Structures are given as C-alpha cells and as structure tokens.
Amino acid sequence: MQPQHIFVSLALYAIPALAQSLVDVLRENGLTEYAELLERNPTISTIPGLIVYAPTNAALTGNGNVTGSDTEAEIEFSQVNPTAPSFTNPGDYSGNTTNSKRQVAPSGSVYGTLLDDPEWVNLGPGRNQTIVERSVPTAPQPLVFTGLGASVSVTASDIPFDGGVIRPIDGVLTLPRNLSYTLPFLGAERFGTALQNAGLFPDLDNRAIITVLAPNDAAFGGADNLPDAQLAQVLREHVVVDFPAYTPLLQDGSTYRTLGGSNVTVLIRDNVAYINGAQILAGDAIIRNGVVHTIDRLLTAQSPTPTPSPIPTAAATTAKPLSWLALVFASVGIAVAAFSSV
C-alpha cells in the first residue's frame, strides 16, 4: 500500500475574521475525523489567510495510514510561511509576440507549502514543497495534484473559519517521493528502466529543481534500439534543469534548458500544451525535487543554445490530457500541507 499523508495547504487569501476556530468549524460541517486528527496533532499555524484542505470522514476512515507515526511531523511541517518565495518562470520567448498576446490558460495555482523536511523536498535553499490545484475537463470540481501522480477532488465551496477557509476534498493527499520511485506509477516504467540503465537516477533523484518530461510506455518503444551513448543523451533532453515547470507556470513560446544542453519550447494551441511537439498527457506529478509531466512521444533534441536570461511572468496554465479550461484562483499563494497519494 502506498503511504498516504495529510496535506494542509495554505494560501494568502483575503477573508473576514470570524469567531469560530478551525476545529469547531470542521466539526460543525461534518469533517469530524479531520478535526480529531488535528486535535491529536495540534500544530496548525495561527497565521491568518489559510486554505486548509480537509479530507472528508469517508476519505480518512478509508485510509489506513493517516494515524501513522509520521502524521504529527507531517502536520508540523505543513504550517504556512507567508514570505515563502514563489518560482519565477525563467523561460526565454521565441518570436516577437508580446506578453499580452501569448497563449496562456489562467486555470491553475501553484501553492508553496511549509513542508521543508529534506526527506520530502529538495527544491533548493529556502524553498518548501508545493502542490498544484487546477481544473480538468473531466472533473466538475478542481483537482489537487500531489505525489505519485495522484490527485483528489475539491468537494464543496470554501468554508470560512477565523484563520482562513477550509476546502473539503475527497481523499488524502500523497507525499512526493523521488523520481525513480514515482515513474512506475505514471505509466512510464520503460523510461525509468532506461534512466536506471544509463546510470542517471543517482543524479536525478538528488539534483535540486528539475522537470521531467516522461514519455509513456507506448511512446518510449522507439528508443529501445538506440546505442547506449545516444540513448543517454536523449534521456537528458527530457529533463529541464533549475526550474519546476508546473503546468500553471507554462506559457506559449517559453523555452527551457535541459540536462542535455539543448532547449525545449512550449507551444499552446487550442488549449492544448506541447513541448517540442510532444503533448502533455498528464501533468503535475509532484516529486521530491520538482515535477513530472507524462508526454506522448520522445522529444527531438535541438542544438545547445546559450542559457536564456530570466524573464518574470505571472502566467498560468493547466494540464492532464491538457485541455486548459479557465478556473480563477488566488494568485500564486502559499499552501501548507500535512501529508500523505500516486
């Protein structure tokens, strides 16, 4: 059974002060199991502006690991840090299209959490673990994406309490693991085997801040007959370095440097996202040191080019058979999490 944990995510969110405490409001709204869990592990931040992802009673009673030995530590690490830095998109932009005309989809949010335990996060100094909340065309409510490619659904409108809002969800969120552990859960086991055979996992499991573009098993067949040295280079072209390109941060025309030394370019057309011609099929599988997107083909490497200069952006997009439908969220906020899904 995969380890399950509780995330309590927090974002800067302007709400009126209310008299009732978090635990009282949870009980009044039938979220009694989560209220009891918090009472046993009273480490929730008192800083105002919280968004607390609260699993329903059914989600908690159906999960055998929520009262495990790590629960207290996980909640402790999930307290909000309002000053936590957000990620700035370093992508260069091709062509002379202006920012205002670039195709983007403002339908997702990246929330920084207070999870700073090195067992679960390696995003560089001063950066804690993240989650992604966004809409997908097949779900009536937004989904929250966490570790092992797992997601849970928001089940109801936000419920205010004196420190922020409670956002009910239908499952327990999953802690991120390293890349080598995660890939089999994403239907990219052949890609993972190739990384293992090429000796790349020690670096990729421990390097801070990566985005992995993982061809699914059906797409990876064409690489099996490549010479070892050529295959190793192809694999490196599927790893963006020094930036976690969560789908809400993607923007049409942006380019990113890969571990292989070349650049990959984002294209968004008709609400679908492509990277060097490969479509993102499932996005935002959170890993310890970044994020994995599953794609439908091997990437075609471009010649190495000079490293692009950082360009700030506030753009947002979404993924999963990536139909980038609009969903309005708070601007990149700060989310906290007390953990545990693929």
Protein backbone atom coordinates (compact mmCIF):
# COMPACT_ATOMS: atom_id res chain seq x y z
CA MET A 1 0.00 0.00 0.00
CA GLN A 2 1.41 3.38 -0.89
CA PRO A 3 1.97 5.77 2.01
CA GLN A 4 -0.79 8.30 2.49
CA HIS A 5 -0.49 11.53 4.31
CA ILE A 6 -2.44 14.65 5.09
CA PHE A 7 -1.75 17.94 3.35
CA VAL A 8 -2.91 21.15 4.92
CA SER A 9 -2.30 23.81 2.30
CA LEU A 10 -2.33 27.49 2.89
CA ALA A 11 -2.55 30.49 0.62
CA LEU A 12 -2.68 34.20 1.06
CA TYR A 13 -6.40 34.75 0.87
CA ALA A 14 -8.30 37.86 1.95
CA ILE A 15 -11.25 36.84 4.13
CA PRO A 16 -13.09 38.45 7.01
CA ALA A 17 -12.17 37.45 10.53
CA LEU A 18 -14.64 35.05 12.06
CA ALA A 19 -15.16 33.97 15.63
CA GLN A 20 -15.07 30.19 15.18
CA SER A 21 -11.90 28.15 15.34
CA LEU A 22 -10.75 25.69 12.70
CA VAL A 23 -11.64 22.63 14.77
CA ASP A 24 -15.08 23.99 15.69
CA VAL A 25 -15.94 24.74 12.06
CA LEU A 26 -14.68 21.33 10.93
CA ARG A 27 -16.99 19.64 13.44
CA GLU A 28 -19.99 21.78 12.52
CA ASN A 29 -19.56 20.85 8.86
CA GLY A 30 -19.25 17.10 9.37
CA LEU A 31 -15.47 16.92 8.99
CA THR A 32 -15.13 15.37 12.42
CA GLU A 33 -12.40 12.84 11.63
CA TYR A 34 -10.09 15.56 10.39
CA ALA A 35 -10.93 17.72 13.41
CA GLU A 36 -9.91 14.86 15.71
CA LEU A 37 -6.70 14.34 13.75
CA LEU A 38 -5.77 17.99 14.23
CA GLU A 39 -6.59 17.84 17.93
CA ARG A 40 -4.22 14.89 18.31
CA ASN A 41 -1.56 16.82 16.39
CA PRO A 42 -2.13 20.49 17.27
CA THR A 43 0.45 22.09 15.00
CA ILE A 44 -1.71 24.14 12.61
CA SER A 45 -0.41 27.66 12.02
CA THR A 46 -2.27 30.56 13.58
CA ILE A 47 -1.23 32.94 10.80
CA PRO A 48 -4.35 34.31 9.04
CA GLY A 49 -5.16 33.54 5.43
CA LEU A 50 -5.06 29.75 5.47
CA ILE A 51 -6.61 27.41 2.96
CA VAL A 52 -6.94 24.11 4.78
CA TYR A 53 -7.50 21.07 2.56
CA ALA A 54 -9.67 18.89 4.79
CA PRO A 55 -10.37 15.27 3.78
CA THR A 56 -13.93 14.09 4.34
CA ASN A 57 -14.71 11.50 7.00
CA ALA A 58 -15.04 8.83 4.33
CA ALA A 59 -11.60 9.68 2.95
CA LEU A 60 -9.96 9.42 6.34
CA THR A 61 -11.71 6.30 7.60
CA GLY A 62 -10.91 4.55 4.33
CA ASN A 63 -7.21 5.31 4.63
CA GLY A 64 -5.28 3.06 6.98
CA ASN A 65 -2.17 5.22 7.33
CA VAL A 66 -3.45 8.62 8.47
CA THR A 67 -2.71 7.91 12.11
CA GLY A 68 0.77 6.56 11.44
CA SER A 69 3.95 7.60 13.19
CA ASP A 70 4.72 10.36 10.67
CA THR A 71 1.42 12.21 11.00
CA GLU A 72 2.46 14.63 13.72
CA ALA A 73 5.68 15.53 11.93
CA GLU A 74 3.88 15.92 8.62
CA ILE A 75 1.33 18.35 10.07
CA GLU A 76 4.15 20.19 11.85
CA PHE A 77 5.97 20.68 8.58
CA SER A 78 2.79 21.93 6.89
CA GLN A 79 2.48 25.30 8.61
CA VAL A 80 2.33 28.35 6.41
CA ASN A 81 5.19 30.69 5.67
CA PRO A 82 3.64 33.86 4.17
CA THR A 83 7.03 35.08 2.96
CA ALA A 84 7.98 31.89 1.12
CA PRO A 85 9.27 32.76 -2.37
CA SER A 86 7.35 31.72 -5.47
CA PHE A 87 9.05 30.37 -8.58
CA THR A 88 9.75 32.84 -11.40
CA ASN A 89 9.48 31.46 -14.92
CA PRO A 90 12.97 31.66 -16.47
CA GLY A 91 11.73 30.76 -19.94
CA ASP A 92 13.01 32.73 -22.91
CA TYR A 93 10.39 33.52 -25.53
CA SER A 94 10.65 32.85 -29.24
CA GLY A 95 9.41 35.28 -31.86
CA ASN A 96 8.27 38.83 -31.24
CA THR A 97 4.85 38.12 -29.76
CA THR A 98 4.01 40.43 -26.90
CA ASN A 99 3.23 39.07 -23.46
CA SER A 100 -0.42 40.11 -23.74
CA LYS A 101 -0.95 38.10 -26.93
CA ARG A 102 0.82 34.94 -25.87
CA GLN A 103 -1.47 31.95 -25.44
CA VAL A 104 -1.85 31.08 -21.78
CA ALA A 105 -4.57 29.49 -19.71
CA PRO A 106 -5.20 31.05 -16.30
CA SER A 107 -6.64 27.94 -14.80
CA GLY A 108 -4.43 26.70 -12.04
CA SER A 109 -2.45 27.64 -8.96
CA VAL A 110 0.90 26.55 -7.57
CA TYR A 111 0.91 26.66 -3.78
CA GLY A 112 4.09 26.67 -1.77
CA THR A 113 3.74 24.64 1.43
CA LEU A 114 5.58 24.56 4.72
CA LEU A 115 6.85 21.04 4.14
CA ASP A 116 10.59 21.53 4.47
CA ASP A 117 11.70 18.09 5.64
CA PRO A 118 14.56 17.04 3.27
CA GLU A 119 13.04 13.57 3.13
CA TRP A 120 10.18 15.04 1.11
CA VAL A 121 11.53 18.19 -0.53
CA ASN A 122 14.67 19.26 -2.40
CA LEU A 123 13.81 22.45 -4.27
CA GLY A 124 16.82 24.49 -3.26
CA PRO A 125 17.60 26.67 -0.24
CA GLY A 126 14.61 28.33 1.36
CA ARG A 127 12.01 26.57 -0.80
CA ASN A 128 9.43 24.19 0.59
CA GLN A 129 7.35 21.56 -1.18
CA THR A 130 4.49 22.52 -3.48
CA ILE A 131 1.11 21.30 -4.66
CA VAL A 132 -0.88 22.24 -7.75
CA GLU A 133 -4.61 22.91 -7.86
CA ARG A 134 -6.29 23.17 -11.27
CA SER A 135 -9.29 22.19 -13.30
CA VAL A 136 -9.51 19.37 -15.84
CA PRO A 137 -12.24 18.85 -18.43
CA THR A 138 -13.37 15.53 -16.97
CA ALA A 139 -13.99 16.77 -13.43
CA PRO A 140 -16.70 19.19 -12.26
CA GLN A 141 -14.52 20.48 -9.42
CA PRO A 142 -10.83 21.41 -9.42
CA LEU A 143 -8.29 18.74 -8.57
CA VAL A 144 -5.33 18.93 -6.23
CA PHE A 145 -2.19 17.22 -7.61
CA THR A 146 0.45 15.83 -5.29
CA GLY A 147 2.89 12.94 -5.17
CA LEU A 148 3.00 9.76 -7.26
CA GLY A 149 0.75 11.34 -9.90
CA ALA A 150 -2.20 11.26 -7.54
CA SER A 151 -4.96 13.82 -7.26
CA VAL A 152 -8.02 14.42 -5.15
CA SER A 153 -11.09 16.49 -5.91
CA VAL A 154 -12.40 19.53 -4.14
CA THR A 155 -15.89 18.54 -2.99
CA ALA A 156 -17.52 21.75 -1.79
CA SER A 157 -17.20 25.50 -1.58
CA ASP A 158 -14.76 27.05 0.84
CA ILE A 159 -15.93 27.21 4.45
CA PRO A 160 -14.63 30.23 6.41
CA PHE A 161 -13.17 29.99 9.90
CA ASP A 162 -11.33 32.54 11.99
CA GLY A 163 -7.97 31.86 10.34
CA GLY A 164 -8.93 31.41 6.71
CA VAL A 165 -11.00 28.89 4.78
CA ILE A 166 -11.50 25.14 4.80
CA ARG A 167 -11.56 23.45 1.39
CA PRO A 168 -13.08 19.94 1.64
CA ILE A 169 -11.50 17.22 -0.52
CA ASP A 170 -12.46 13.63 -1.26
CA GLY A 171 -9.16 11.96 -0.47
CA VAL A 172 -5.94 12.09 1.47
CA LEU A 173 -3.09 13.79 -0.35
CA THR A 174 0.09 11.94 -1.14
CA LEU A 175 3.61 12.88 -0.14
CA PRO A 176 6.07 13.27 -3.02
CA ARG A 177 8.79 10.67 -3.50
CA ASN A 178 11.89 10.69 -5.68
CA LEU A 179 11.79 10.25 -9.45
CA SER A 180 12.87 6.61 -9.55
CA TYR A 181 10.08 5.63 -7.14
CA THR A 182 7.46 7.72 -8.94
CA LEU A 183 7.82 6.80 -12.62
CA PRO A 184 6.18 3.32 -12.43
CA PHE A 185 3.04 4.98 -11.05
CA LEU A 186 2.85 7.20 -14.13
CA GLY A 187 2.89 4.56 -16.86
CA ALA A 188 6.50 5.49 -17.70
CA GLU A 189 8.30 2.40 -16.43
CA ARG A 190 10.26 1.86 -19.67
CA PHE A 191 11.59 5.40 -19.45
CA GLY A 192 12.55 4.71 -15.84
CA THR A 193 14.33 1.50 -16.78
CA ALA A 194 16.33 3.38 -19.41
CA LEU A 195 17.31 6.03 -16.85
CA GLN A 196 18.39 3.27 -14.48
CA ASN A 197 20.47 1.50 -17.13
CA ALA A 198 22.09 4.79 -18.13
CA GLY A 199 23.10 5.45 -14.52
CA LEU A 200 21.16 8.72 -14.37
CA PHE A 201 18.96 8.09 -11.33
CA PRO A 202 21.56 8.97 -8.67
CA ASP A 203 21.79 12.47 -10.14
CA LEU A 204 18.11 12.91 -10.98
CA ASP A 205 16.90 11.67 -7.59
CA ASN A 206 19.14 14.14 -5.77
CA ARG A 207 19.59 17.18 -8.03
CA ALA A 208 17.59 20.15 -6.79
CA ILE A 209 14.83 21.54 -9.02
CA ILE A 210 14.03 19.52 -12.14
CA THR A 211 11.12 19.00 -14.50
CA VAL A 212 10.97 15.56 -16.08
CA LEU A 213 9.17 15.05 -19.39
CA ALA A 214 8.49 11.32 -19.26
CA PRO A 215 7.35 9.52 -22.42
CA ASN A 216 4.72 6.94 -21.56
CA ASP A 217 5.48 3.30 -22.20
CA ALA A 218 3.77 3.31 -25.59
CA ALA A 219 5.83 6.28 -26.74
CA PHE A 220 9.17 5.00 -25.50
CA GLY A 221 9.43 1.91 -27.71
CA GLY A 222 11.34 3.71 -30.42
CA ALA A 223 14.26 4.37 -28.09
CA ASP A 224 14.99 0.76 -27.21
CA ASN A 225 17.33 0.18 -30.16
CA LEU A 226 19.43 3.32 -29.78
CA PRO A 227 23.13 2.93 -28.95
CA ASP A 228 23.78 3.43 -25.25
CA ALA A 229 25.57 6.75 -25.60
CA GLN A 230 22.91 8.17 -27.90
CA LEU A 231 20.11 6.95 -25.63
CA ALA A 232 21.74 8.55 -22.59
CA GLN A 233 21.84 11.88 -24.42
CA VAL A 234 18.20 11.53 -25.50
CA LEU A 235 17.22 10.85 -21.89
CA ARG A 236 19.00 14.00 -20.71
CA GLU A 237 16.97 16.03 -23.20
CA HIS A 238 13.85 15.02 -21.26
CA VAL A 239 14.98 16.76 -18.06
CA VAL A 240 14.56 20.52 -17.61
CA VAL A 241 17.02 21.81 -15.03
CA ASP A 242 16.79 24.58 -12.45
CA PHE A 243 13.05 25.19 -12.84
CA PRO A 244 9.99 23.19 -11.73
CA ALA A 245 7.68 23.80 -14.70
CA TYR A 246 4.34 23.09 -13.04
CA THR A 247 1.64 23.43 -15.67
CA PRO A 248 0.18 26.65 -14.23
CA LEU A 249 3.57 28.25 -14.95
CA LEU A 250 3.81 27.21 -18.61
CA GLN A 251 3.45 29.88 -21.27
CA ASP A 252 3.35 29.68 -25.05
CA GLY A 253 6.77 30.33 -26.56
CA SER A 254 8.79 29.86 -23.39
CA THR A 255 11.96 27.79 -23.65
CA TYR A 256 13.82 25.83 -21.01
CA ARG A 257 17.34 24.45 -20.80
CA THR A 258 17.67 20.66 -20.50
CA LEU A 259 20.23 18.50 -18.78
CA GLY A 260 21.45 17.54 -22.27
CA GLY A 261 22.35 21.15 -23.06
CA SER A 262 19.61 21.94 -25.57
CA ASN A 263 16.41 23.91 -25.15
CA VAL A 264 12.80 22.74 -25.27
CA THR A 265 9.98 25.07 -26.28
CA VAL A 266 6.39 25.26 -25.06
CA LEU A 267 3.60 25.55 -27.61
CA ILE A 268 -0.02 26.10 -26.57
CA ARG A 269 -2.61 25.72 -29.32
CA ASP A 270 -6.36 25.28 -28.98
CA ASN A 271 -5.98 24.89 -25.22
CA VAL A 272 -3.50 22.02 -25.59
CA ALA A 273 0.13 22.19 -24.42
CA TYR A 274 3.08 20.70 -26.31
CA ILE A 275 6.78 20.64 -25.54
CA ASN A 276 8.97 20.24 -28.64
CA GLY A 277 5.94 18.73 -30.35
CA ALA A 278 5.13 16.24 -27.59
CA GLN A 279 1.72 16.64 -25.98
CA ILE A 280 1.45 16.65 -22.21
CA LEU A 281 -0.94 13.81 -21.46
CA ALA A 282 -0.89 14.01 -17.66
CA GLY A 283 0.78 16.78 -15.74
CA ASP A 284 1.90 17.82 -12.29
CA ALA A 285 3.07 14.60 -10.66
CA ILE A 286 4.93 16.19 -7.77
CA ILE A 287 8.30 14.66 -6.92
CA ARG A 288 10.69 15.46 -4.10
CA ASN A 289 12.78 17.78 -6.29
CA GLY A 290 10.30 19.05 -8.86
CA VAL A 291 7.58 17.74 -11.13
CA VAL A 292 6.94 15.12 -13.84
CA HIS A 293 4.73 15.52 -16.91
CA THR A 294 3.85 12.43 -18.95
CA ILE A 295 4.17 13.05 -22.71
CA ASP A 296 3.10 11.16 -25.83
CA ARG A 297 6.42 10.87 -27.70
CA LEU A 298 10.17 11.12 -27.44
CA LEU A 299 11.46 14.66 -27.65
CA THR A 300 13.51 15.80 -30.61
CA ALA A 301 16.66 17.42 -29.32
CA GLN A 302 17.67 20.86 -30.53
CA SER A 303 21.23 22.12 -30.74
CA PRO A 304 22.54 23.58 -27.50
CA THR A 305 22.00 27.33 -27.25
CA PRO A 306 23.11 29.98 -24.76
CA THR A 307 21.35 29.92 -21.42
CA PRO A 308 18.30 32.25 -21.57
CA SER A 309 18.10 35.24 -19.28
CA PRO A 310 15.41 35.05 -16.57
CA ILE A 311 12.15 36.71 -17.56
CA PRO A 312 9.50 37.16 -14.86
CA THR A 313 5.98 36.06 -15.65
CA ALA A 314 2.70 35.67 -13.83
CA ALA A 315 1.16 33.37 -16.43
CA ALA A 316 -0.81 30.24 -15.56
CA THR A 317 -1.93 27.13 -17.42
CA THR A 318 -3.18 23.64 -16.76
CA ALA A 319 -2.68 20.11 -17.97
CA LYS A 320 -3.85 16.45 -17.95
CA PRO A 321 -4.94 15.45 -21.45
CA LEU A 322 -4.22 19.12 -21.32
CA SER A 323 -7.42 20.88 -22.05
CA TRP A 324 -6.61 24.16 -20.39
CA LEU A 325 -10.03 25.32 -19.13
CA ALA A 326 -10.25 28.52 -17.15
CA LEU A 327 -10.52 28.45 -13.37
CA VAL A 328 -9.98 31.50 -11.20
CA PHE A 329 -7.82 31.05 -8.16
CA ALA A 330 -5.95 33.27 -5.80
CA SER A 331 -2.63 34.39 -7.29
CA VAL A 332 0.27 32.12 -6.56
CA GLY A 333 -0.25 31.61 -2.86
CA ILE A 334 1.32 29.87 -0.04
CA ALA A 335 -0.06 26.47 0.75
CA VAL A 336 0.64 24.22 3.63
CA ALA A 337 0.45 20.59 3.84
CA ALA A 338 0.35 17.80 6.38
CA PHE A 339 0.81 14.73 4.26
CA SER A 340 0.36 11.54 2.51
CA SER A 341 -1.12 9.52 -2.81
CA VAL A 342 0.06 8.20 -6.71
